Amino acid sequence: MMNPEKQLSDLLQEWTPNAEPDSGFNRSVWARIEAAESSGAMGLSFFSWLQRLAVPRIAATCVAVALFGGILVGGMQARSSEEERYLLSLKPFASVTHAH
């Protein structure tokens, strides 16, 4: 009895492909590559941004920027609120109408 792996190996060594790609095959492949490159360079879709956020380093950077921005905006809001409370403590019946 012959080894099945040996039979398969012998068969694969004897086999030669006889299929030839048609004459427009290379042209169509390069046309698809160029179309993909030009569409990627022109505009980035929402999903491509999501794919980029899947990279841990980029995601961590975005979280850090959002956290810092939130702290900064929250601090500015708190300071504005404290100023309003202070001004109202000086003149309790006056409405605060200064520009922010």
N, C-alpha and C. Protein backbone atom coordinates (compact mmCIF):
# COMPACT_ATOMS: atom_id res chain seq x y z
N MET A 1 0.85 -1.19 0.00
CA MET A 1 0.00 0.00 0.00
C MET A 1 0.89 1.24 0.00
N MET A 2 0.52 2.20 -0.83
CA MET A 2 1.33 3.41 -0.99
C MET A 2 0.87 4.49 -0.02
N ASN A 3 1.79 5.30 0.42
CA ASN A 3 1.51 6.39 1.35
C ASN A 3 0.68 7.46 0.64
N PRO A 4 -0.48 7.89 1.23
CA PRO A 4 -1.31 8.91 0.57
C PRO A 4 -0.58 10.25 0.40
N GLU A 5 0.25 10.60 1.35
CA GLU A 5 1.00 11.87 1.21
C GLU A 5 1.97 11.80 0.04
N LYS A 6 2.60 10.63 -0.16
CA LYS A 6 3.52 10.45 -1.27
C LYS A 6 2.77 10.51 -2.60
N GLN A 7 1.59 9.91 -2.65
CA GLN A 7 0.78 9.95 -3.86
C GLN A 7 0.41 11.40 -4.20
N LEU A 8 -0.02 12.15 -3.18
CA LEU A 8 -0.39 13.54 -3.40
C LEU A 8 0.81 14.35 -3.85
N SER A 9 1.95 14.15 -3.23
CA SER A 9 3.16 14.87 -3.60
C SER A 9 3.55 14.57 -5.04
N ASP A 10 3.50 13.29 -5.44
CA ASP A 10 3.84 12.92 -6.82
C ASP A 10 2.85 13.55 -7.81
N LEU A 11 1.58 13.52 -7.46
CA LEU A 11 0.55 14.10 -8.32
C LEU A 11 0.75 15.60 -8.49
N LEU A 12 1.06 16.30 -7.41
CA LEU A 12 1.28 17.75 -7.48
C LEU A 12 2.52 18.10 -8.29
N GLN A 13 3.55 17.25 -8.22
CA GLN A 13 4.76 17.51 -9.00
C GLN A 13 4.52 17.31 -10.49
N GLU A 14 3.62 16.41 -10.86
CA GLU A 14 3.31 16.15 -12.26
C GLU A 14 2.38 17.20 -12.85
N TRP A 15 1.58 17.84 -12.01
CA TRP A 15 0.54 18.74 -12.48
C TRP A 15 1.14 20.04 -12.99
N THR A 16 0.64 20.52 -14.13
CA THR A 16 1.02 21.82 -14.66
C THR A 16 -0.26 22.58 -14.98
N PRO A 17 -0.34 23.82 -14.53
CA PRO A 17 -1.56 24.59 -14.81
C PRO A 17 -1.64 24.91 -16.31
N ASN A 18 -2.84 24.87 -16.85
CA ASN A 18 -3.02 25.17 -18.26
C ASN A 18 -3.94 26.36 -18.49
N ALA A 19 -4.30 27.05 -17.43
CA ALA A 19 -5.17 28.22 -17.56
C ALA A 19 -4.33 29.47 -17.76
N GLU A 20 -4.65 30.23 -18.76
CA GLU A 20 -3.97 31.49 -19.04
C GLU A 20 -4.95 32.63 -18.77
N PRO A 21 -4.53 33.68 -18.08
CA PRO A 21 -5.44 34.82 -17.90
C PRO A 21 -5.69 35.50 -19.24
N ASP A 22 -6.88 36.07 -19.38
CA ASP A 22 -7.20 36.74 -20.65
C ASP A 22 -6.33 37.98 -20.83
N SER A 23 -6.36 38.54 -22.00
CA SER A 23 -5.45 39.64 -22.35
C SER A 23 -5.70 40.90 -21.52
N GLY A 24 -6.90 41.13 -21.03
CA GLY A 24 -7.20 42.33 -20.26
C GLY A 24 -7.03 42.15 -18.76
N PHE A 25 -6.54 40.99 -18.33
CA PHE A 25 -6.43 40.70 -16.90
C PHE A 25 -5.52 41.70 -16.19
N ASN A 26 -4.29 41.87 -16.69
CA ASN A 26 -3.35 42.80 -16.04
C ASN A 26 -3.88 44.22 -16.04
N ARG A 27 -4.48 44.63 -17.15
CA ARG A 27 -5.02 45.98 -17.26
C ARG A 27 -6.14 46.20 -16.24
N SER A 28 -7.02 45.19 -16.08
CA SER A 28 -8.13 45.36 -15.14
C SER A 28 -7.63 45.37 -13.69
N VAL A 29 -6.61 44.58 -13.40
CA VAL A 29 -6.05 44.57 -12.04
C VAL A 29 -5.46 45.93 -11.72
N TRP A 30 -4.66 46.48 -12.62
CA TRP A 30 -4.05 47.79 -12.37
C TRP A 30 -5.09 48.90 -12.32
N ALA A 31 -6.15 48.78 -13.08
CA ALA A 31 -7.22 49.79 -13.02
C ALA A 31 -7.90 49.77 -11.66
N ARG A 32 -8.12 48.57 -11.09
CA ARG A 32 -8.73 48.49 -9.76
C ARG A 32 -7.80 49.04 -8.69
N ILE A 33 -6.51 48.77 -8.82
CA ILE A 33 -5.54 49.29 -7.85
C ILE A 33 -5.52 50.81 -7.90
N GLU A 34 -5.47 51.39 -9.09
CA GLU A 34 -5.46 52.85 -9.22
C GLU A 34 -6.74 53.47 -8.68
N ALA A 35 -7.88 52.83 -8.95
CA ALA A 35 -9.16 53.35 -8.45
C ALA A 35 -9.20 53.33 -6.92
N ALA A 36 -8.68 52.26 -6.33
CA ALA A 36 -8.66 52.17 -4.86
C ALA A 36 -7.74 53.22 -4.27
N GLU A 37 -6.59 53.44 -4.88
CA GLU A 37 -5.65 54.44 -4.36
C GLU A 37 -6.21 55.85 -4.50
N SER A 38 -6.84 56.16 -5.63
CA SER A 38 -7.36 57.51 -5.82
C SER A 38 -8.56 57.78 -4.92
N SER A 39 -9.41 56.79 -4.69
CA SER A 39 -10.55 57.03 -3.80
C SER A 39 -10.10 57.15 -2.36
N GLY A 40 -9.05 56.44 -1.97
CA GLY A 40 -8.53 56.54 -0.61
C GLY A 40 -7.85 57.86 -0.36
N ALA A 41 -7.23 58.44 -1.38
CA ALA A 41 -6.52 59.71 -1.21
C ALA A 41 -7.47 60.89 -1.22
N MET A 42 -8.60 60.77 -1.90
CA MET A 42 -9.51 61.92 -2.04
C MET A 42 -10.27 62.21 -0.76
N GLY A 43 -10.79 61.20 -0.12
CA GLY A 43 -11.57 61.45 1.08
C GLY A 43 -11.61 60.23 1.96
N LEU A 44 -11.59 60.45 3.25
CA LEU A 44 -11.63 59.33 4.18
C LEU A 44 -13.04 59.20 4.72
N SER A 45 -13.56 58.02 4.64
CA SER A 45 -14.92 57.79 5.11
C SER A 45 -14.92 57.61 6.63
N PHE A 46 -16.10 57.60 7.17
CA PHE A 46 -16.27 57.43 8.61
C PHE A 46 -15.71 56.09 9.05
N PHE A 47 -15.91 55.05 8.24
CA PHE A 47 -15.45 53.71 8.61
C PHE A 47 -13.94 53.61 8.58
N SER A 48 -13.28 54.34 7.69
CA SER A 48 -11.82 54.30 7.69
C SER A 48 -11.28 54.97 8.96
N TRP A 49 -11.98 55.98 9.45
CA TRP A 49 -11.57 56.60 10.72
C TRP A 49 -11.76 55.63 11.87
N LEU A 50 -12.84 54.86 11.83
CA LEU A 50 -13.06 53.86 12.87
C LEU A 50 -11.98 52.79 12.84
N GLN A 51 -11.57 52.40 11.64
CA GLN A 51 -10.50 51.40 11.53
C GLN A 51 -9.20 51.94 12.10
N ARG A 52 -8.93 53.21 11.87
CA ARG A 52 -7.72 53.81 12.42
C ARG A 52 -7.77 53.89 13.94
N LEU A 53 -8.97 54.10 14.48
CA LEU A 53 -9.10 54.16 15.94
C LEU A 53 -8.93 52.79 16.58
N ALA A 54 -8.97 51.74 15.78
CA ALA A 54 -8.77 50.39 16.32
C ALA A 54 -7.30 50.16 16.69
N VAL A 55 -6.41 51.01 16.21
CA VAL A 55 -5.00 50.89 16.58
C VAL A 55 -4.85 51.41 18.01
N PRO A 56 -4.33 50.60 18.92
CA PRO A 56 -4.29 51.01 20.34
C PRO A 56 -3.59 52.33 20.60
N ARG A 57 -2.49 52.61 19.92
CA ARG A 57 -1.76 53.85 20.16
C ARG A 57 -2.61 55.07 19.76
N ILE A 58 -3.29 54.97 18.63
CA ILE A 58 -4.13 56.09 18.17
C ILE A 58 -5.34 56.24 19.09
N ALA A 59 -5.94 55.12 19.49
CA ALA A 59 -7.09 55.19 20.38
C ALA A 59 -6.71 55.81 21.72
N ALA A 60 -5.57 55.42 22.26
CA ALA A 60 -5.13 55.98 23.54
C ALA A 60 -4.86 57.47 23.43
N THR A 61 -4.30 57.89 22.31
CA THR A 61 -4.04 59.32 22.09
C THR A 61 -5.36 60.09 22.01
N CYS A 62 -6.35 59.55 21.30
CA CYS A 62 -7.65 60.22 21.20
C CYS A 62 -8.33 60.33 22.56
N VAL A 63 -8.23 59.27 23.36
CA VAL A 63 -8.83 59.30 24.70
C VAL A 63 -8.14 60.35 25.56
N ALA A 64 -6.81 60.42 25.47
CA ALA A 64 -6.06 61.40 26.26
C ALA A 64 -6.42 62.83 25.85
N VAL A 65 -6.53 63.08 24.55
CA VAL A 65 -6.89 64.42 24.07
C VAL A 65 -8.31 64.77 24.52
N ALA A 66 -9.24 63.82 24.41
CA ALA A 66 -10.62 64.09 24.82
C ALA A 66 -10.70 64.34 26.32
N LEU A 67 -9.96 63.57 27.10
CA LEU A 67 -9.95 63.75 28.54
C LEU A 67 -9.38 65.12 28.92
N PHE A 68 -8.26 65.48 28.32
CA PHE A 68 -7.66 66.78 28.59
C PHE A 68 -8.59 67.91 28.18
N GLY A 69 -9.22 67.78 27.01
CA GLY A 69 -10.17 68.79 26.56
C GLY A 69 -11.35 68.91 27.50
N GLY A 70 -11.86 67.78 27.97
CA GLY A 70 -12.98 67.81 28.90
C GLY A 70 -12.62 68.47 30.22
N ILE A 71 -11.42 68.17 30.72
CA ILE A 71 -10.96 68.79 31.96
C ILE A 71 -10.80 70.30 31.77
N LEU A 72 -10.25 70.70 30.64
CA LEU A 72 -10.04 72.11 30.35
C LEU A 72 -11.37 72.86 30.26
N VAL A 73 -12.32 72.30 29.51
CA VAL A 73 -13.63 72.95 29.38
C VAL A 73 -14.36 72.95 30.72
N GLY A 74 -14.29 71.85 31.45
CA GLY A 74 -14.93 71.80 32.76
C GLY A 74 -14.35 72.81 33.73
N GLY A 75 -13.03 72.98 33.70
CA GLY A 75 -12.39 73.98 34.55
C GLY A 75 -12.83 75.39 34.20
N MET A 76 -12.95 75.65 32.90
CA MET A 76 -13.41 76.99 32.48
C MET A 76 -14.85 77.23 32.93
N GLN A 77 -15.69 76.21 32.82
CA GLN A 77 -17.08 76.34 33.24
C GLN A 77 -17.17 76.55 34.75
N ALA A 78 -16.37 75.84 35.50
CA ALA A 78 -16.40 75.97 36.96
C ALA A 78 -15.94 77.37 37.37
N ARG A 79 -14.89 77.87 36.73
CA ARG A 79 -14.39 79.20 37.06
C ARG A 79 -15.46 80.26 36.75
N SER A 80 -16.15 80.10 35.61
CA SER A 80 -17.20 81.05 35.24
C SER A 80 -18.33 81.00 36.27
N SER A 81 -18.68 79.81 36.71
CA SER A 81 -19.74 79.66 37.69
C SER A 81 -19.34 80.28 39.02
N GLU A 82 -18.09 80.11 39.42
CA GLU A 82 -17.61 80.72 40.66
C GLU A 82 -17.64 82.24 40.58
N GLU A 83 -17.27 82.78 39.43
CA GLU A 83 -17.30 84.24 39.25
C GLU A 83 -18.73 84.76 39.38
N GLU A 84 -19.68 84.05 38.77
CA GLU A 84 -21.07 84.48 38.85
C GLU A 84 -21.57 84.43 40.30
N ARG A 85 -21.23 83.38 41.00
CA ARG A 85 -21.65 83.29 42.40
C ARG A 85 -21.03 84.40 43.23
N TYR A 86 -19.78 84.73 42.98
CA TYR A 86 -19.11 85.80 43.72
C TYR A 86 -19.79 87.14 43.45
N LEU A 87 -20.05 87.42 42.15
CA LEU A 87 -20.70 88.69 41.82
C LEU A 87 -22.10 88.77 42.43
N LEU A 88 -22.82 87.66 42.43
CA LEU A 88 -24.15 87.67 43.05
C LEU A 88 -24.08 87.83 44.56
N SER A 89 -22.98 87.38 45.17
CA SER A 89 -22.84 87.56 46.62
C SER A 89 -22.60 89.04 46.95
N LEU A 90 -21.99 89.79 46.03
CA LEU A 90 -21.78 91.22 46.26
C LEU A 90 -23.07 92.00 46.08
N LYS A 91 -23.80 91.68 45.02
CA LYS A 91 -25.08 92.33 44.76
C LYS A 91 -26.11 91.24 44.52
N PRO A 92 -26.75 90.78 45.56
CA PRO A 92 -27.63 89.63 45.41
C PRO A 92 -28.82 89.85 44.48
N PHE A 93 -29.28 91.09 44.32
CA PHE A 93 -30.45 91.33 43.49
C PHE A 93 -30.10 91.75 42.08
N ALA A 94 -28.83 91.84 41.78
CA ALA A 94 -28.43 92.21 40.42
C ALA A 94 -28.24 90.93 39.60
N SER A 95 -28.68 90.99 38.37
CA SER A 95 -28.47 89.84 37.50
C SER A 95 -27.12 89.99 36.83
N VAL A 96 -26.45 88.92 36.67
CA VAL A 96 -25.12 88.93 36.07
C VAL A 96 -25.30 88.96 34.55
N THR A 97 -24.79 90.04 33.93
CA THR A 97 -24.96 90.19 32.49
C THR A 97 -23.61 90.47 31.82
N HIS A 98 -22.52 89.98 32.36
CA HIS A 98 -21.23 90.21 31.71
C HIS A 98 -21.00 89.16 30.63
N ALA A 99 -20.19 89.49 29.67
CA ALA A 99 -19.92 88.57 28.55
C ALA A 99 -18.95 87.50 28.99
N HIS A 100 -19.14 86.30 28.49
CA HIS A 100 -18.27 85.16 28.83
C HIS A 100 -17.14 85.10 27.87
